Amino acid sequence: MGNQLERLVLKVPPLPQDCPCSDVYDRFAANEDLLTLAVTRGDEPVGIVNRNELLFQLAHNFGRALYGKKPIRDLMDSAPLIVDVQTGLSSLNATIVRESPSALLKGFIITDQGRYLGVGTALSLLNLTVEHMEARAEELAAAQRRAQAASLAKSQFLASMSHELRTPLNAIIGFSELIALQSLGSTGTDRYREYAKDIHSSGAHLLGVINDVLDVAKIEAGHQQLNEISVNPADLIQRCLRMIRPRADTAGIRLCNTNNETLPALKADETKLQQVLLNLLSNAVKFTPSGGEVRIEAEVSPFEGMALKISDTGIGIASTDLERIFEPFEQVDSELNRKFDGTGLGLHLARAFMELHGGGLTVESSVGRGTTVVVRIPAERLLFQAA
């Protein structure tokens, strides 16, 4: 932007320090737009004269008689704010605010390596500051547009990769399962079957990671949609518990379901709701030590909708990390959970899916005392009331 103060300079001829005050008075009176005059000794600024102050001093009774013939140095401000033209606009504003607020009333002098260049006023400073702020705002807006365009392009690219990534992985998973099960005949070696199981397990894990990444990309690109049907939440909860139970049994963790069979049906995307519950139950089991408990319960209100609560007796989360856990790819680092793997997308997706349903997801937790996650489904999605 060049030297910003160059645009601030008002090239007003200065006054010699011996100039009579009456001549200065006449000069101000002849030009209503003239607000400030500098006083110089040669090329060196030595003072400043403000229009209002001088006119007031010479206009009142006896003022002109007392000062009219005296040199202007007797009435000038001999300690004006003097700034070099190379000074940045922000530095000038800071100097005025912190050291010379009177310069907003009296004006200030601008020099070039000590030589008088012109004067500046509050009005000219305000105009330049506004222009600078507008230019800066446009720069930031342009940068934001570029960032949004780049993010959208990334999200659209990832969303479009669904077929290319999933198709070969599904083939790997399917064929490895055939080999592991010896569906087409004996493989002849037990180790080959174990390898096939490892391929199947690794492929399924990789497919899950890719699905999560693609879901995030679809959400960011605005392509994620709901496939809404009538969902029986009691059946869905039982199904999710059956899927997670082998892992819980292996870890020595009790699963408790306090719900009955009278929960009202929901209008929802069953696949996404199942993904939310499985993710939350999986996290609860993952971060609960052996001998602990994971509990799921539902509360129904005709006005507030349904709340599904998944609570555990696990390691918990520090209060300072509660909001951070919802950021994509974010994992809270601690000695307790560092050993656990994962992409850090689960909670981000869970909350996003619930927001697509018009609901939400909240977490309450403290270190060493477990975690409770509440999935909220709005009342308008209840298809009928519980008996």
Protein backbone atom coordinates (compact mmCIF):
# COMPACT_ATOMS: atom_id res chain seq x y z
CA MET A 1 0.00 0.00 0.00
CA GLY A 2 3.07 2.28 -0.05
CA ASN A 3 3.67 4.96 2.55
CA GLN A 4 0.21 5.36 3.98
CA LEU A 5 0.87 8.79 5.51
CA GLU A 6 1.69 10.28 2.10
CA ARG A 7 -2.04 10.30 1.44
CA LEU A 8 -2.62 11.99 4.77
CA VAL A 9 -0.38 15.00 4.11
CA LEU A 10 -2.11 18.34 3.61
CA LYS A 11 0.54 20.43 1.83
CA VAL A 12 -0.20 23.70 3.56
CA PRO A 13 2.53 26.35 3.37
CA PRO A 14 3.99 26.78 6.87
CA LEU A 15 4.35 30.01 8.86
CA PRO A 16 7.68 31.58 9.67
CA GLN A 17 8.01 31.85 13.43
CA ASP A 18 8.22 35.68 13.19
CA CYS A 19 4.92 35.99 11.27
CA PRO A 20 2.59 38.48 13.07
CA CYS A 21 -0.41 36.89 14.77
CA SER A 22 -2.79 39.26 12.95
CA ASP A 23 -1.57 37.93 9.58
CA VAL A 24 -2.21 34.39 10.75
CA TYR A 25 -5.68 35.46 11.93
CA ASP A 26 -6.45 36.92 8.52
CA ARG A 27 -5.23 33.76 6.81
CA PHE A 28 -7.55 31.58 8.86
CA ALA A 29 -10.45 34.01 8.37
CA ALA A 30 -9.96 33.95 4.60
CA ASN A 31 -10.09 30.14 4.37
CA GLU A 32 -12.79 28.36 6.37
CA ASP A 33 -11.39 24.93 5.46
CA LEU A 34 -7.98 25.72 6.92
CA LEU A 35 -7.79 24.03 10.33
CA THR A 36 -4.11 23.84 11.20
CA LEU A 37 -0.91 25.68 10.30
CA ALA A 38 2.62 24.59 11.04
CA VAL A 39 5.30 27.01 12.23
CA THR A 40 8.83 26.43 10.95
CA ARG A 41 12.34 27.70 11.38
CA GLY A 42 13.75 27.14 7.93
CA ASP A 43 12.64 23.59 7.02
CA GLU A 44 12.40 22.49 10.65
CA PRO A 45 8.94 22.45 12.29
CA VAL A 46 8.92 24.18 15.67
CA GLY A 47 5.23 24.56 16.47
CA ILE A 48 1.62 24.32 15.40
CA VAL A 49 -1.31 26.75 15.39
CA ASN A 50 -4.90 25.58 15.67
CA ARG A 51 -7.58 27.64 13.95
CA ASN A 52 -10.14 27.66 16.77
CA GLU A 53 -7.65 28.52 19.49
CA LEU A 54 -6.10 31.43 17.59
CA LEU A 55 -9.39 32.92 16.43
CA PHE A 56 -10.74 32.76 19.95
CA GLN A 57 -7.67 34.42 21.45
CA LEU A 58 -7.60 37.28 18.94
CA ALA A 59 -11.34 37.77 18.57
CA HIS A 60 -12.20 38.47 22.21
CA ASN A 61 -11.84 41.99 23.69
CA PHE A 62 -8.27 43.33 23.52
CA GLY A 63 -7.02 40.08 22.00
CA ARG A 64 -6.00 41.56 18.69
CA ALA A 65 -4.54 44.62 20.35
CA LEU A 66 -2.43 42.43 22.63
CA TYR A 67 -1.27 39.84 20.11
CA GLY A 68 -1.84 41.26 16.65
CA LYS A 69 1.71 42.51 16.14
CA LYS A 70 3.45 39.82 18.19
CA PRO A 71 5.14 36.92 16.38
CA ILE A 72 3.14 33.74 16.06
CA ARG A 73 5.72 31.87 18.14
CA ASP A 74 4.18 33.52 21.22
CA LEU A 75 0.82 31.78 20.64
CA MET A 76 1.83 28.55 18.87
CA ASP A 77 1.94 25.15 20.53
CA SER A 78 5.67 24.64 20.78
CA ALA A 79 5.39 20.89 21.48
CA PRO A 80 3.26 19.56 18.63
CA LEU A 81 3.03 15.94 17.59
CA ILE A 82 5.53 15.46 14.75
CA VAL A 83 5.53 12.20 12.79
CA ASP A 84 7.66 11.02 9.90
CA VAL A 85 5.90 10.18 6.65
CA GLN A 86 7.31 6.64 6.87
CA THR A 87 5.32 5.98 10.05
CA GLY A 88 2.62 3.33 9.70
CA LEU A 89 -1.01 4.31 10.07
CA SER A 90 -1.59 1.96 12.99
CA SER A 91 1.50 3.31 14.76
CA LEU A 92 0.27 6.87 14.32
CA ASN A 93 -3.15 6.02 15.72
CA ALA A 94 -1.55 4.26 18.68
CA THR A 95 0.73 7.24 19.36
CA ILE A 96 -2.19 9.68 19.32
CA VAL A 97 -4.30 7.51 21.63
CA ARG A 98 -1.52 6.80 24.12
CA GLU A 99 0.66 9.90 24.04
CA SER A 100 -0.92 12.84 22.20
CA PRO A 101 -4.74 12.80 22.27
CA SER A 102 -4.71 16.60 21.92
CA ALA A 103 -3.47 16.10 18.35
CA LEU A 104 -7.01 15.14 17.40
CA LEU A 105 -8.06 18.73 18.20
CA LYS A 106 -4.96 20.66 17.22
CA GLY A 107 -3.65 18.57 14.34
CA PHE A 108 -0.10 17.34 13.85
CA ILE A 109 2.92 17.90 11.62
CA ILE A 110 4.26 15.42 9.07
CA THR A 111 7.93 15.49 8.12
CA ASP A 112 10.23 13.68 5.73
CA GLN A 113 13.51 12.94 7.52
CA GLY A 114 13.01 16.00 9.72
CA ARG A 115 12.04 18.39 6.92
CA TYR A 116 8.55 19.88 6.96
CA LEU A 117 6.20 18.13 4.55
CA GLY A 118 2.67 19.14 5.58
CA VAL A 119 0.06 18.85 8.31
CA GLY A 120 -2.51 16.25 9.29
CA THR A 121 -5.89 16.73 10.91
CA ALA A 122 -8.39 14.50 12.71
CA LEU A 123 -10.63 14.57 9.65
CA SER A 124 -7.93 13.52 7.20
CA LEU A 125 -6.75 10.85 9.64
CA LEU A 126 -10.30 9.53 10.02
CA ASN A 127 -10.79 9.37 6.24
CA LEU A 128 -7.54 7.49 5.72
CA THR A 129 -8.28 5.12 8.61
CA VAL A 130 -11.71 4.30 7.19
CA GLU A 131 -10.23 3.65 3.75
CA HIS A 132 -7.58 1.42 5.31
CA MET A 133 -10.19 -0.53 7.27
CA GLU A 134 -12.36 -0.97 4.18
CA ALA A 135 -9.38 -2.20 2.16
CA ARG A 136 -8.38 -4.57 4.97
CA ALA A 137 -11.95 -5.86 5.28
CA GLU A 138 -12.02 -6.56 1.54
CA GLU A 139 -8.68 -8.40 1.78
CA LEU A 140 -10.02 -10.54 4.62
CA ALA A 141 -13.27 -11.19 2.75
CA ALA A 142 -11.32 -12.22 -0.35
CA ALA A 143 -9.11 -14.53 1.73
CA GLN A 144 -12.20 -16.04 3.33
CA ARG A 145 -13.78 -16.59 -0.09
CA ARG A 146 -10.61 -18.31 -1.28
CA ALA A 147 -10.52 -20.51 1.82
CA GLN A 148 -14.19 -21.41 1.44
CA ALA A 149 -13.69 -22.21 -2.23
CA ALA A 150 -10.70 -24.42 -1.41
CA SER A 151 -12.62 -26.16 1.37
CA LEU A 152 -15.63 -26.69 -0.89
CA ALA A 153 -13.42 -28.06 -3.66
CA LYS A 154 -11.81 -30.47 -1.19
CA SER A 155 -15.17 -31.58 0.16
CA GLN A 156 -16.64 -32.03 -3.32
CA PHE A 157 -13.60 -34.02 -4.39
CA LEU A 158 -13.82 -36.35 -1.39
CA ALA A 159 -17.57 -36.73 -1.79
CA SER A 160 -17.14 -37.67 -5.45
CA MET A 161 -14.56 -40.35 -4.52
CA SER A 162 -17.17 -42.55 -2.84
CA HIS A 163 -17.50 -45.05 -5.70
CA GLU A 164 -13.76 -45.13 -6.54
CA LEU A 165 -12.74 -45.87 -2.93
CA ARG A 166 -15.56 -48.10 -1.76
CA THR A 167 -15.83 -50.43 -4.76
CA PRO A 168 -12.31 -51.96 -4.58
CA LEU A 169 -12.46 -52.15 -0.80
CA ASN A 170 -15.76 -54.01 -0.90
CA ALA A 171 -14.18 -56.46 -3.35
CA ILE A 172 -11.19 -56.98 -1.04
CA ILE A 173 -13.46 -57.53 1.93
CA GLY A 174 -15.78 -59.88 0.02
CA PHE A 175 -13.05 -62.05 -1.50
CA SER A 176 -11.06 -62.26 1.74
CA GLU A 177 -14.22 -63.42 3.51
CA LEU A 178 -14.72 -66.15 0.88
CA ILE A 179 -11.13 -67.33 1.42
CA ALA A 180 -11.39 -67.18 5.23
CA LEU A 181 -14.63 -69.21 5.17
CA GLN A 182 -13.27 -71.57 2.45
CA SER A 183 -16.55 -71.06 0.60
CA LEU A 184 -15.13 -72.40 -2.66
CA GLY A 185 -13.02 -75.18 -1.17
CA SER A 186 -10.13 -75.73 1.18
CA THR A 187 -7.21 -73.31 1.11
CA GLY A 188 -4.96 -76.11 2.32
CA THR A 189 -3.14 -74.07 4.98
CA ASP A 190 -4.55 -72.67 8.19
CA ARG A 191 -2.17 -69.74 8.04
CA TYR A 192 -3.71 -68.61 4.74
CA ARG A 193 -7.12 -68.53 6.40
CA GLU A 194 -5.69 -66.39 9.20
CA TYR A 195 -4.16 -64.05 6.64
CA ALA A 196 -7.52 -63.81 4.89
CA LYS A 197 -9.20 -62.93 8.19
CA ASP A 198 -6.59 -60.22 8.78
CA ILE A 199 -7.19 -58.85 5.28
CA HIS A 200 -10.93 -58.87 5.89
CA SER A 201 -10.57 -57.14 9.27
CA SER A 202 -8.15 -54.53 7.95
CA GLY A 203 -10.31 -53.87 4.89
CA ALA A 204 -13.42 -53.46 7.03
CA HIS A 205 -11.58 -51.04 9.32
CA LEU A 206 -10.25 -49.03 6.36
CA LEU A 207 -13.72 -48.94 4.80
CA GLY A 208 -15.12 -47.59 8.06
CA VAL A 209 -12.48 -44.84 8.12
CA ILE A 210 -13.18 -43.94 4.49
CA ASN A 211 -16.92 -43.88 5.13
CA ASP A 212 -16.39 -41.47 8.02
CA VAL A 213 -14.18 -39.19 5.92
CA LEU A 214 -16.68 -39.24 3.06
CA ASP A 215 -19.54 -38.48 5.44
CA VAL A 216 -17.63 -35.44 6.74
CA ALA A 217 -16.95 -34.34 3.17
CA LYS A 218 -20.63 -34.68 2.26
CA ILE A 219 -21.67 -32.65 5.29
CA GLU A 220 -19.18 -29.89 4.50
CA ALA A 221 -20.26 -29.87 0.85
CA GLY A 222 -23.95 -29.79 1.84
CA HIS A 223 -24.64 -33.12 0.13
CA GLN A 224 -25.66 -35.12 3.20
CA GLN A 225 -29.35 -35.97 3.21
CA LEU A 226 -31.70 -37.96 5.44
CA ASN A 227 -33.48 -41.12 4.33
CA GLU A 228 -36.39 -40.83 6.74
CA ILE A 229 -38.52 -43.80 7.74
CA SER A 230 -40.45 -44.90 10.81
CA VAL A 231 -37.89 -46.18 13.34
CA ASN A 232 -38.58 -48.28 16.45
CA PRO A 233 -36.01 -46.88 18.91
CA ALA A 234 -36.34 -49.84 21.32
CA ASP A 235 -35.43 -52.28 18.54
CA LEU A 236 -32.62 -50.00 17.37
CA ILE A 237 -31.14 -49.83 20.87
CA GLN A 238 -31.31 -53.62 21.28
CA ARG A 239 -29.64 -54.11 17.89
CA CYS A 240 -26.81 -51.70 18.72
CA LEU A 241 -26.25 -53.40 22.08
CA ARG A 242 -26.05 -56.82 20.40
CA MET A 243 -23.45 -55.47 17.98
CA ILE A 244 -21.33 -53.92 20.72
CA ARG A 245 -21.69 -56.72 23.30
CA PRO A 246 -18.83 -58.98 22.09
CA ARG A 247 -16.41 -56.09 22.50
CA ALA A 248 -17.84 -55.24 25.93
CA ASP A 249 -17.64 -58.87 27.09
CA THR A 250 -14.02 -59.10 25.97
CA ALA A 251 -13.21 -55.90 27.90
CA GLY A 252 -15.09 -57.06 31.00
CA ILE A 253 -17.66 -54.24 30.88
CA ARG A 254 -21.35 -54.53 31.81
CA LEU A 255 -23.94 -53.23 29.34
CA CYS A 256 -27.19 -52.03 30.91
CA ASN A 257 -30.40 -51.12 29.06
CA THR A 258 -33.02 -49.47 31.27
CA ASN A 259 -35.54 -48.90 28.48
CA ASN A 260 -38.84 -50.71 28.03
CA GLU A 261 -40.71 -51.61 24.86
CA THR A 262 -43.14 -48.65 24.95
CA LEU A 263 -40.91 -46.00 23.40
CA PRO A 264 -42.68 -44.07 20.62
CA ALA A 265 -41.65 -44.57 17.02
CA LEU A 266 -39.51 -41.89 15.38
CA LYS A 267 -39.39 -40.35 11.94
CA ALA A 268 -35.63 -40.55 11.33
CA ASP A 269 -32.80 -41.86 9.19
CA GLU A 270 -32.31 -45.27 10.80
CA THR A 271 -28.85 -45.83 9.35
CA LYS A 272 -27.50 -42.53 10.64
CA LEU A 273 -29.20 -42.91 14.02
CA GLN A 274 -27.68 -46.38 14.35
CA GLN A 275 -24.27 -44.97 13.40
CA VAL A 276 -24.62 -42.35 16.14
CA LEU A 277 -25.56 -44.89 18.84
CA LEU A 278 -22.89 -47.39 17.78
CA ASN A 279 -20.24 -44.68 17.84
CA LEU A 280 -21.24 -43.49 21.30
CA LEU A 281 -21.51 -47.01 22.73
CA SER A 282 -18.18 -47.95 21.16
CA ASN A 283 -16.49 -44.90 22.69
CA ALA A 284 -18.03 -45.66 26.08
CA VAL A 285 -16.72 -49.23 25.99
CA LYS A 286 -13.34 -48.12 24.64
CA PHE A 287 -12.69 -45.63 27.43
CA THR A 288 -14.14 -47.63 30.34
CA PRO A 289 -11.75 -49.85 32.36
CA SER A 290 -12.52 -53.51 32.97
CA GLY A 291 -15.21 -53.98 35.60
CA GLY A 292 -16.96 -50.76 34.63
CA GLU A 293 -20.44 -50.17 33.27
CA VAL A 294 -22.02 -48.61 30.18
CA ARG A 295 -25.69 -47.70 30.47
CA ILE A 296 -28.25 -46.50 27.94
CA GLU A 297 -31.65 -45.05 28.83
CA ALA A 298 -34.34 -43.00 27.12
CA GLU A 299 -36.53 -40.16 28.34
CA VAL A 300 -39.62 -39.03 26.41
CA SER A 301 -41.50 -35.73 26.63
CA PRO A 302 -44.35 -34.65 24.32
CA PHE A 303 -42.89 -31.14 24.35
CA GLU A 304 -39.12 -31.74 24.39
CA GLY A 305 -38.97 -34.96 22.37
CA MET A 306 -36.75 -37.93 23.15
CA ALA A 307 -33.40 -37.94 24.93
CA LEU A 308 -31.15 -41.00 24.64
CA LYS A 309 -28.49 -41.02 27.36
CA ILE A 310 -25.34 -43.14 27.09
CA SER A 311 -23.33 -43.00 30.32
CA ASP A 312 -20.19 -44.83 31.41
CA THR A 313 -17.89 -45.15 34.40
CA GLY A 314 -14.81 -44.54 32.29
CA ILE A 315 -11.80 -42.25 32.34
CA GLY A 316 -13.79 -39.08 31.62
CA ILE A 317 -12.86 -35.88 29.82
CA ALA A 318 -11.46 -32.64 31.25
CA SER A 319 -13.86 -29.70 31.15
CA THR A 320 -11.38 -27.70 29.04
CA ASP A 321 -11.52 -30.40 26.34
CA LEU A 322 -15.29 -30.91 26.11
CA GLU A 323 -15.86 -28.62 23.13
CA ARG A 324 -12.65 -29.63 21.38
CA ILE A 325 -13.72 -33.28 21.10
CA PHE A 326 -16.35 -32.33 18.51
CA GLU A 327 -13.77 -30.94 16.08
CA PRO A 328 -13.06 -33.24 13.11
CA PHE A 329 -9.88 -35.35 13.46
CA GLU A 330 -9.50 -34.11 17.03
CA GLN A 331 -8.41 -36.48 19.77
CA VAL A 332 -7.88 -35.39 23.35
CA ASP A 333 -4.35 -36.37 24.26
CA SER A 334 -3.78 -37.77 27.72
CA GLU A 335 -1.90 -40.59 29.38
CA LEU A 336 -5.22 -42.39 29.88
CA ASN A 337 -6.46 -42.47 26.32
CA ARG A 338 -3.36 -42.08 24.18
CA LYS A 339 -3.21 -45.82 23.54
CA PHE A 340 -6.61 -45.82 21.80
CA ASP A 341 -6.77 -45.44 18.04
CA GLY A 342 -9.38 -43.74 15.89
CA THR A 343 -9.77 -40.93 13.37
CA GLY A 344 -11.39 -38.46 15.74
CA LEU A 345 -14.40 -38.16 13.43
CA GLY A 346 -16.97 -40.09 15.44
CA LEU A 347 -18.31 -37.37 17.73
CA HIS A 348 -18.13 -34.76 14.98
CA LEU A 349 -20.28 -36.95 12.74
CA ALA A 350 -22.64 -37.93 15.56
CA ARG A 351 -23.42 -34.31 16.37
CA ALA A 352 -23.71 -33.39 12.69
CA PHE A 353 -26.16 -36.26 12.06
CA MET A 354 -28.31 -35.22 15.01
CA GLU A 355 -28.31 -31.61 13.85
CA LEU A 356 -29.53 -32.84 10.45
CA HIS A 357 -32.47 -34.32 12.37
CA GLY A 358 -33.11 -30.95 14.03
CA GLY A 359 -31.79 -32.27 17.34
CA GLY A 360 -28.43 -32.14 19.05
CA LEU A 361 -25.80 -33.92 21.09
CA THR A 362 -24.25 -32.81 24.40
CA VAL A 363 -21.55 -34.26 26.63
CA GLU A 364 -21.12 -34.03 30.39
CA SER A 365 -17.93 -35.43 31.85
CA SER A 366 -15.14 -35.05 34.38
CA VAL A 367 -11.81 -36.82 34.62
CA GLY A 368 -12.01 -40.12 36.46
CA ARG A 369 -15.77 -39.95 36.96
CA GLY A 370 -17.16 -41.08 33.62
CA THR A 371 -19.04 -39.48 30.77
CA THR A 372 -22.69 -39.00 29.84
CA VAL A 373 -23.65 -38.23 26.24
CA VAL A 374 -27.21 -37.07 25.54
CA VAL A 375 -28.70 -37.51 22.07
CA ARG A 376 -31.71 -35.21 21.65
CA ILE A 377 -34.45 -35.86 19.09
CA PRO A 378 -37.05 -33.08 18.64
CA ALA A 379 -40.70 -33.65 19.58
CA GLU A 380 -41.93 -33.24 16.01
CA ARG A 381 -40.18 -36.50 15.12
CA LEU A 382 -42.23 -38.56 17.60
CA LEU A 383 -44.85 -40.44 15.59
CA PHE A 384 -46.98 -41.44 18.56
CA GLN A 385 -46.77 -41.26 22.33
CA ALA A 386 -45.59 -44.02 24.59
CA ALA A 387 -48.35 -45.92 26.40
